[in-house]
Amino acid sequence: TMRDGAKLHTTIYAPRDASQAYPILLQRT
């Protein structure tokens, strides 16, 4: 949800290995 209420569809791929922390790489398209 954006600050004006609009909802933006977002797809998240996260490593199955949860033993460490990862950075986020974002592409808006």
PDB file of all heavy atoms in Angstrom:
ATOM      1  N   THR A   1       0.832  -1.197   0.000  1.00  0.00           N
ATOM      2  CA  THR A   1       0.000   0.000   0.000  1.00  0.00           C
ATOM      3  C   THR A   1       0.873   1.255   0.000  1.00  0.00           C
ATOM      4  O   THR A   1       1.740   1.421   0.865  1.00  0.00           O
ATOM      5  CB  THR A   1      -0.935   0.014   1.221  1.00  0.00           C
ATOM      6  OG1 THR A   1      -1.728  -1.172   1.212  1.00  0.00           O
ATOM      7  CG2 THR A   1      -1.848   1.239   1.179  1.00  0.00           C
ATOM      8  N   MET A   2       0.620   2.131  -0.952  1.00  0.00           N
ATOM      9  CA  MET A   2       1.329   3.403  -1.039  1.00  0.00           C
ATOM     10  C   MET A   2       0.673   4.432  -0.112  1.00  0.00           C
ATOM     11  O   MET A   2      -0.421   4.223   0.408  1.00  0.00           O
ATOM     12  CB  MET A   2       1.328   3.928  -2.482  1.00  0.00           C
ATOM     13  CG  MET A   2       1.977   2.977  -3.486  1.00  0.00           C
ATOM     14  SD  MET A   2       3.765   2.748  -3.252  1.00  0.00           S
ATOM     15  CE  MET A   2       3.821   1.123  -2.465  1.00  0.00           C
ATOM     16  N   ARG A   3       1.303   5.552   0.059  1.00  0.00           N
ATOM     17  CA  ARG A   3       0.820   6.562   1.007  1.00  0.00           C
ATOM     18  C   ARG A   3      -0.548   7.128   0.641  1.00  0.00           C
ATOM     19  O   ARG A   3      -1.258   7.658   1.518  1.00  0.00           O
ATOM     20  CB  ARG A   3       1.841   7.693   1.142  1.00  0.00           C
ATOM     21  CG  ARG A   3       2.103   8.499  -0.116  1.00  0.00           C
ATOM     22  CD  ARG A   3       3.283   9.420   0.063  1.00  0.00           C
ATOM     23  NE  ARG A   3       4.531   8.678   0.305  1.00  0.00           N
ATOM     24  CZ  ARG A   3       5.687   9.245   0.576  1.00  0.00           C
ATOM     25  NH1 ARG A   3       5.776  10.568   0.630  1.00  0.00           N
ATOM     26  NH2 ARG A   3       6.773   8.513   0.769  1.00  0.00           N
ATOM     27  N   ASP A   4      -0.956   7.004  -0.622  1.00  0.00           N
ATOM     28  CA  ASP A   4      -2.287   7.483  -1.009  1.00  0.00           C
ATOM     29  C   ASP A   4      -3.315   6.361  -1.051  1.00  0.00           C
ATOM     30  O   ASP A   4      -4.453   6.573  -1.476  1.00  0.00           O
ATOM     31  CB  ASP A   4      -2.230   8.192  -2.358  1.00  0.00           C
ATOM     32  CG  ASP A   4      -1.874   7.258  -3.501  1.00  0.00           C
ATOM     33  OD1 ASP A   4      -1.357   6.145  -3.230  1.00  0.00           O
ATOM     34  OD2 ASP A   4      -2.101   7.629  -4.665  1.00  0.00           O
ATOM     35  N   GLY A   5      -2.914   5.162  -0.655  1.00  0.00           N
ATOM     36  CA  GLY A   5      -3.848   4.037  -0.596  1.00  0.00           C
ATOM     37  C   GLY A   5      -3.777   3.082  -1.768  1.00  0.00           C
ATOM     38  O   GLY A   5      -4.331   1.973  -1.702  1.00  0.00           O
ATOM     39  N   ALA A   6      -3.127   3.461  -2.864  1.00  0.00           N
ATOM     40  CA  ALA A   6      -3.008   2.569  -4.024  1.00  0.00           C
ATOM     41  C   ALA A   6      -2.138   1.366  -3.668  1.00  0.00           C
ATOM     42  O   ALA A   6      -1.134   1.491  -2.961  1.00  0.00           O
ATOM     43  CB  ALA A   6      -2.410   3.324  -5.208  1.00  0.00           C
ATOM     44  N   LYS A   7      -2.535   0.197  -4.165  1.00  0.00           N
ATOM     45  CA  LYS A   7      -1.814  -1.032  -3.881  1.00  0.00           C
ATOM     46  C   LYS A   7      -1.040  -1.476  -5.130  1.00  0.00           C
ATOM     47  O   LYS A   7      -1.628  -1.618  -6.208  1.00  0.00           O
ATOM     48  CB  LYS A   7      -2.783  -2.128  -3.436  1.00  0.00           C
ATOM     49  CG  LYS A   7      -3.457  -1.850  -2.091  1.00  0.00           C
ATOM     50  CD  LYS A   7      -4.415  -2.964  -1.716  1.00  0.00           C
ATOM     51  CE  LYS A   7      -4.941  -2.792  -0.298  1.00  0.00           C
ATOM     52  NZ  LYS A   7      -5.699  -1.525  -0.141  1.00  0.00           N
ATOM     53  N   LEU A   8       0.273  -1.695  -4.936  1.00  0.00           N
ATOM     54  CA  LEU A   8       1.136  -2.087  -6.045  1.00  0.00           C
ATOM     55  C   LEU A   8       1.540  -3.549  -5.901  1.00  0.00           C
ATOM     56  O   LEU A   8       2.060  -3.965  -4.846  1.00  0.00           O
ATOM     57  CB  LEU A   8       2.375  -1.196  -6.104  1.00  0.00           C
ATOM     58  CG  LEU A   8       2.135   0.320  -6.204  1.00  0.00           C
ATOM     59  CD1 LEU A   8       3.444   1.046  -6.518  1.00  0.00           C
ATOM     60  CD2 LEU A   8       1.076   0.654  -7.238  1.00  0.00           C
ATOM     61  N   HIS A   9       1.306  -4.291  -6.966  1.00  0.00           N
ATOM     62  CA  HIS A   9       1.603  -5.726  -6.954  1.00  0.00           C
ATOM     63  C   HIS A   9       3.112  -5.947  -6.946  1.00  0.00           C
ATOM     64  O   HIS A   9       3.845  -5.390  -7.763  1.00  0.00           O
ATOM     65  CB  HIS A   9       0.998  -6.392  -8.184  1.00  0.00           C
ATOM     66  CG  HIS A   9       1.243  -7.872  -8.235  1.00  0.00           C
ATOM     67  ND1 HIS A   9       0.382  -8.789  -7.677  1.00  0.00           N
ATOM     68  CD2 HIS A   9       2.262  -8.591  -8.769  1.00  0.00           C
ATOM     69  CE1 HIS A   9       0.857 -10.001  -7.857  1.00  0.00           C
ATOM     70  NE2 HIS A   9       2.000  -9.917  -8.522  1.00  0.00           N
ATOM     71  N   THR A  10       3.573  -6.789  -6.027  1.00  0.00           N
ATOM     72  CA  THR A  10       4.998  -6.998  -5.819  1.00  0.00           C
ATOM     73  C   THR A  10       5.283  -8.483  -5.664  1.00  0.00           C
ATOM     74  O   THR A  10       4.577  -9.188  -4.925  1.00  0.00           O
ATOM     75  CB  THR A  10       5.468  -6.246  -4.557  1.00  0.00           C
ATOM     76  OG1 THR A  10       5.037  -4.878  -4.645  1.00  0.00           O
ATOM     77  CG2 THR A  10       6.970  -6.306  -4.416  1.00  0.00           C
ATOM     78  N   THR A  11       6.299  -8.964  -6.372  1.00  0.00           N
ATOM     79  CA  THR A  11       6.694 -10.369  -6.320  1.00  0.00           C
ATOM     80  C   THR A  11       8.050 -10.477  -5.633  1.00  0.00           C
ATOM     81  O   THR A  11       9.008  -9.800  -6.030  1.00  0.00           O
ATOM     82  CB  THR A  11       6.778 -10.974  -7.729  1.00  0.00           C
ATOM     83  OG1 THR A  11       5.493 -10.870  -8.358  1.00  0.00           O
ATOM     84  CG2 THR A  11       7.196 -12.434  -7.666  1.00  0.00           C
ATOM     85  N   ILE A  12       8.133 -11.339  -4.632  1.00  0.00           N
ATOM     86  CA  ILE A  12       9.347 -11.467  -3.814  1.00  0.00           C
ATOM     87  C   ILE A  12       9.908 -12.876  -3.947  1.00  0.00           C
ATOM     88  O   ILE A  12       9.222 -13.859  -3.629  1.00  0.00           O
ATOM     89  CB  ILE A  12       9.051 -11.174  -2.335  1.00  0.00           C
ATOM     90  CG1 ILE A  12       8.443  -9.767  -2.183  1.00  0.00           C
ATOM     91  CG2 ILE A  12      10.315 -11.320  -1.489  1.00  0.00           C
ATOM     92  CD1 ILE A  12       7.838  -9.520  -0.812  1.00  0.00           C
ATOM     93  N   TYR A  13      11.135 -12.975  -4.424  1.00  0.00           N
ATOM     94  CA  TYR A  13      11.864 -14.244  -4.446  1.00  0.00           C
ATOM     95  C   TYR A  13      12.917 -14.188  -3.335  1.00  0.00           C
ATOM     96  O   TYR A  13      13.803 -13.318  -3.362  1.00  0.00           O
ATOM     97  CB  TYR A  13      12.554 -14.459  -5.783  1.00  0.00           C
ATOM     98  CG  TYR A  13      11.615 -14.673  -6.961  1.00  0.00           C
ATOM     99  CD1 TYR A  13      11.173 -13.587  -7.722  1.00  0.00           C
ATOM    100  CD2 TYR A  13      11.193 -15.941  -7.321  1.00  0.00           C
ATOM    101  CE1 TYR A  13      10.327 -13.765  -8.801  1.00  0.00           C
ATOM    102  CE2 TYR A  13      10.344 -16.142  -8.406  1.00  0.00           C
ATOM    103  CZ  TYR A  13       9.912 -15.050  -9.145  1.00  0.00           C
ATOM    104  OH  TYR A  13       9.077 -15.243 -10.221  1.00  0.00           O
ATOM    105  N   ALA A  14      12.825 -15.099  -2.372  1.00  0.00           N
ATOM    106  CA  ALA A  14      13.755 -15.105  -1.246  1.00  0.00           C
ATOM    107  C   ALA A  14      14.491 -16.438  -1.188  1.00  0.00           C
ATOM    108  O   ALA A  14      13.881 -17.499  -1.416  1.00  0.00           O
ATOM    109  CB  ALA A  14      13.011 -14.870   0.060  1.00  0.00           C
ATOM    110  N   PRO A  15      15.802 -16.435  -0.902  1.00  0.00           N
ATOM    111  CA  PRO A  15      16.551 -17.690  -0.815  1.00  0.00           C
ATOM    112  C   PRO A  15      15.940 -18.634   0.228  1.00  0.00           C
ATOM    113  O   PRO A  15      15.538 -18.211   1.319  1.00  0.00           O
ATOM    114  CB  PRO A  15      17.947 -17.235  -0.394  1.00  0.00           C
ATOM    115  CG  PRO A  15      18.063 -15.822  -0.878  1.00  0.00           C
ATOM    116  CD  PRO A  15      16.685 -15.264  -0.707  1.00  0.00           C
ATOM    117  N   ARG A  16      15.876 -19.924  -0.125  1.00  0.00           N
ATOM    118  CA  ARG A  16      15.358 -20.917   0.818  1.00  0.00           C
ATOM    119  C   ARG A  16      16.294 -21.078   2.010  1.00  0.00           C
ATOM    120  O   ARG A  16      15.859 -21.429   3.110  1.00  0.00           O
ATOM    121  CB  ARG A  16      15.157 -22.251   0.097  1.00  0.00           C
ATOM    122  CG  ARG A  16      14.025 -22.216  -0.931  1.00  0.00           C
ATOM    123  CD  ARG A  16      13.750 -23.592  -1.507  1.00  0.00           C
ATOM    124  NE  ARG A  16      12.719 -23.537  -2.532  1.00  0.00           N
ATOM    125  CZ  ARG A  16      11.393 -23.584  -2.288  1.00  0.00           C
ATOM    126  NH1 ARG A  16      10.964 -23.675  -1.028  1.00  0.00           N
ATOM    127  NH2 ARG A  16      10.530 -23.533  -3.280  1.00  0.00           N
ATOM    128  N   ASP A  17      17.582 -20.847   1.787  1.00  0.00           N
ATOM    129  CA  ASP A  17      18.551 -20.913   2.873  1.00  0.00           C
ATOM    130  C   ASP A  17      18.377 -19.685   3.766  1.00  0.00           C
ATOM    131  O   ASP A  17      18.777 -18.574   3.411  1.00  0.00           O
ATOM    132  CB  ASP A  17      19.968 -20.958   2.301  1.00  0.00           C
ATOM    133  CG  ASP A  17      21.039 -20.964   3.381  1.00  0.00           C
ATOM    134  OD1 ASP A  17      20.681 -21.065   4.582  1.00  0.00           O
ATOM    135  OD2 ASP A  17      22.228 -20.854   3.030  1.00  0.00           O
ATOM    136  N   ALA A  18      17.785 -19.894   4.909  1.00  0.00           N
ATOM    137  CA  ALA A  18      17.482 -18.778   5.818  1.00  0.00           C
ATOM    138  C   ALA A  18      18.514 -18.637   6.923  1.00  0.00           C
ATOM    139  O   ALA A  18      18.247 -17.996   7.951  1.00  0.00           O
ATOM    140  CB  ALA A  18      16.093 -18.973   6.418  1.00  0.00           C
ATOM    141  N   SER A  19      19.697 -19.190   6.706  1.00  0.00           N
ATOM    142  CA  SER A  19      20.723 -19.164   7.754  1.00  0.00           C
ATOM    143  C   SER A  19      21.499 -17.861   7.790  1.00  0.00           C
ATOM    144  O   SER A  19      22.328 -17.652   8.675  1.00  0.00           O
ATOM    145  CB  SER A  19      21.700 -20.326   7.558  1.00  0.00           C
ATOM    146  OG  SER A  19      22.401 -20.182   6.324  1.00  0.00           O
ATOM    147  N   GLN A  20      21.247 -16.976   6.821  1.00  0.00           N
ATOM    148  CA  GLN A  20      21.969 -15.703   6.767  1.00  0.00           C
ATOM    149  C   GLN A  20      21.040 -14.607   6.264  1.00  0.00           C
ATOM    150  O   GLN A  20      19.944 -14.883   5.751  1.00  0.00           O
ATOM    151  CB  GLN A  20      23.186 -15.826   5.851  1.00  0.00           C
ATOM    152  CG  GLN A  20      22.855 -16.219   4.417  1.00  0.00           C
ATOM    153  CD  GLN A  20      24.077 -16.301   3.529  1.00  0.00           C
ATOM    154  OE1 GLN A  20      24.784 -15.312   3.358  1.00  0.00           O
ATOM    155  NE2 GLN A  20      24.341 -17.485   2.986  1.00  0.00           N
ATOM    156  N   ALA A  21      21.495 -13.386   6.407  1.00  0.00           N
ATOM    157  CA  ALA A  21      20.719 -12.235   5.916  1.00  0.00           C
ATOM    158  C   ALA A  21      21.198 -11.853   4.514  1.00  0.00           C
ATOM    159  O   ALA A  21      22.380 -11.961   4.192  1.00  0.00           O
ATOM    160  CB  ALA A  21      20.874 -11.056   6.866  1.00  0.00           C
ATOM    161  N   TYR A  22      20.258 -11.405   3.694  1.00  0.00           N
ATOM    162  CA  TYR A  22      20.556 -11.076   2.310  1.00  0.00           C
ATOM    163  C   TYR A  22      20.114  -9.655   1.991  1.00  0.00           C
ATOM    164  O   TYR A  22      19.124  -9.149   2.542  1.00  0.00           O
ATOM    165  CB  TYR A  22      19.809 -12.016   1.361  1.00  0.00           C
ATOM    166  CG  TYR A  22      20.126 -13.476   1.537  1.00  0.00           C
ATOM    167  CD1 TYR A  22      19.356 -14.272   2.387  1.00  0.00           C
ATOM    168  CD2 TYR A  22      21.179 -14.070   0.853  1.00  0.00           C
ATOM    169  CE1 TYR A  22      19.623 -15.624   2.547  1.00  0.00           C
ATOM    170  CE2 TYR A  22      21.460 -15.426   1.003  1.00  0.00           C
ATOM    171  CZ  TYR A  22      20.677 -16.196   1.846  1.00  0.00           C
ATOM    172  OH  TYR A  22      20.953 -17.528   2.004  1.00  0.00           O
ATOM    173  N   PRO A  23      20.804  -9.003   1.053  1.00  0.00           N
ATOM    174  CA  PRO A  23      20.311  -7.709   0.569  1.00  0.00           C
ATOM    175  C   PRO A  23      19.129  -7.911  -0.365  1.00  0.00           C
ATOM    176  O   PRO A  23      18.863  -9.023  -0.833  1.00  0.00           O
ATOM    177  CB  PRO A  23      21.518  -7.134  -0.177  1.00  0.00           C
ATOM    178  CG  PRO A  23      22.306  -8.326  -0.607  1.00  0.00           C
ATOM    179  CD  PRO A  23      22.095  -9.376   0.456  1.00  0.00           C
ATOM    180  N   ILE A  24      18.452  -6.819  -0.640  1.00  0.00           N
ATOM    181  CA  ILE A  24      17.292  -6.832  -1.531  1.00  0.00           C
ATOM    182  C   ILE A  24      17.679  -6.160  -2.847  1.00  0.00           C
ATOM    183  O   ILE A  24      18.231  -5.058  -2.849  1.00  0.00           O
ATOM    184  CB  ILE A  24      16.103  -6.088  -0.890  1.00  0.00           C
ATOM    185  CG1 ILE A  24      15.665  -6.796   0.394  1.00  0.00           C
ATOM    186  CG2 ILE A  24      14.939  -5.974  -1.873  1.00  0.00           C
ATOM    187  CD1 ILE A  24      14.678  -5.979   1.234  1.00  0.00           C
ATOM    188  N   LEU A  25      17.374  -6.815  -3.943  1.00  0.00           N
ATOM    189  CA  LEU A  25      17.549  -6.226  -5.274  1.00  0.00           C
ATOM    190  C   LEU A  25      16.170  -6.025  -5.873  1.00  0.00           C
ATOM    191  O   LEU A  25      15.407  -6.989  -6.061  1.00  0.00           O
ATOM    192  CB  LEU A  25      18.392  -7.136  -6.170  1.00  0.00           C
ATOM    193  CG  LEU A  25      19.901  -7.091  -5.915  1.00  0.00           C
ATOM    194  CD1 LEU A  25      20.607  -8.261  -6.594  1.00  0.00           C
ATOM    195  CD2 LEU A  25      20.475  -5.766  -6.420  1.00  0.00           C
ATOM    196  N   LEU A  26      15.833  -4.775  -6.161  1.00  0.00           N
ATOM    197  CA  LEU A  26      14.481  -4.382  -6.562  1.00  0.00           C
ATOM    198  C   LEU A  26      14.465  -3.870  -7.993  1.00  0.00           C
ATOM    199  O   LEU A  26      15.280  -3.024  -8.364  1.00  0.00           O
ATOM    200  CB  LEU A  26      13.953  -3.297  -5.621  1.00  0.00           C
ATOM    201  CG  LEU A  26      12.681  -2.544  -6.039  1.00  0.00           C
ATOM    202  CD1 LEU A  26      11.468  -3.475  -6.058  1.00  0.00           C
ATOM    203  CD2 LEU A  26      12.435  -1.354  -5.099  1.00  0.00           C
ATOM    204  N   GLN A  27      13.512  -4.383  -8.773  1.00  0.00           N
ATOM    205  CA  GLN A  27      13.249  -3.821 -10.101  1.00  0.00           C
ATOM    206  C   GLN A  27      11.774  -3.447 -10.181  1.00  0.00           C
ATOM    207  O   GLN A  27      10.891  -4.283  -9.974  1.00  0.00           O
ATOM    208  CB  GLN A  27      13.565  -4.813 -11.218  1.00  0.00           C
ATOM    209  CG  GLN A  27      13.280  -4.229 -12.600  1.00  0.00           C
ATOM    210  CD  GLN A  27      13.605  -5.197 -13.735  1.00  0.00           C
ATOM    211  OE1 GLN A  27      12.705  -5.731 -14.377  1.00  0.00           O
ATOM    212  NE2 GLN A  27      14.877  -5.414 -13.985  1.00  0.00           N
ATOM    213  N   ARG A  28      11.529  -2.181 -10.504  1.00  0.00           N
ATOM    214  CA  ARG A  28      10.163  -1.701 -10.746  1.00  0.00           C
ATOM    215  C   ARG A  28       9.979  -1.591 -12.247  1.00  0.00           C
ATOM    216  O   ARG A  28      10.810  -1.010 -12.945  1.00  0.00           O
ATOM    217  CB  ARG A  28       9.924  -0.356 -10.055  1.00  0.00           C
ATOM    218  CG  ARG A  28      10.220  -0.399  -8.556  1.00  0.00           C
ATOM    219  CD  ARG A  28       9.862   0.915  -7.865  1.00  0.00           C
ATOM    220  NE  ARG A  28       8.430   1.160  -7.905  1.00  0.00           N
ATOM    221  CZ  ARG A  28       7.842   2.189  -8.518  1.00  0.00           C
ATOM    222  NH1 ARG A  28       8.588   3.083  -9.162  1.00  0.00           N
ATOM    223  NH2 ARG A  28       6.541   2.330  -8.517  1.00  0.00           N
ATOM    224  N   THR A  29       8.876  -2.128 -12.757  1.00  0.00           N
ATOM    225  CA  THR A  29       8.751  -2.266 -14.203  1.00  0.00           C
ATOM    226  C   THR A  29       7.321  -2.024 -14.687  1.00  0.00           C
ATOM    227  O   THR A  29       6.361  -2.372 -13.989  1.00  0.00           O
ATOM    228  CB  THR A  29       9.193  -3.674 -14.641  1.00  0.00           C
ATOM    229  OG1 THR A  29       9.000  -3.838 -16.054  1.00  0.00           O
ATOM    230  CG2 THR A  29       8.416  -4.773 -13.913  1.00  0.00           C
TER     231      THR A  29
END
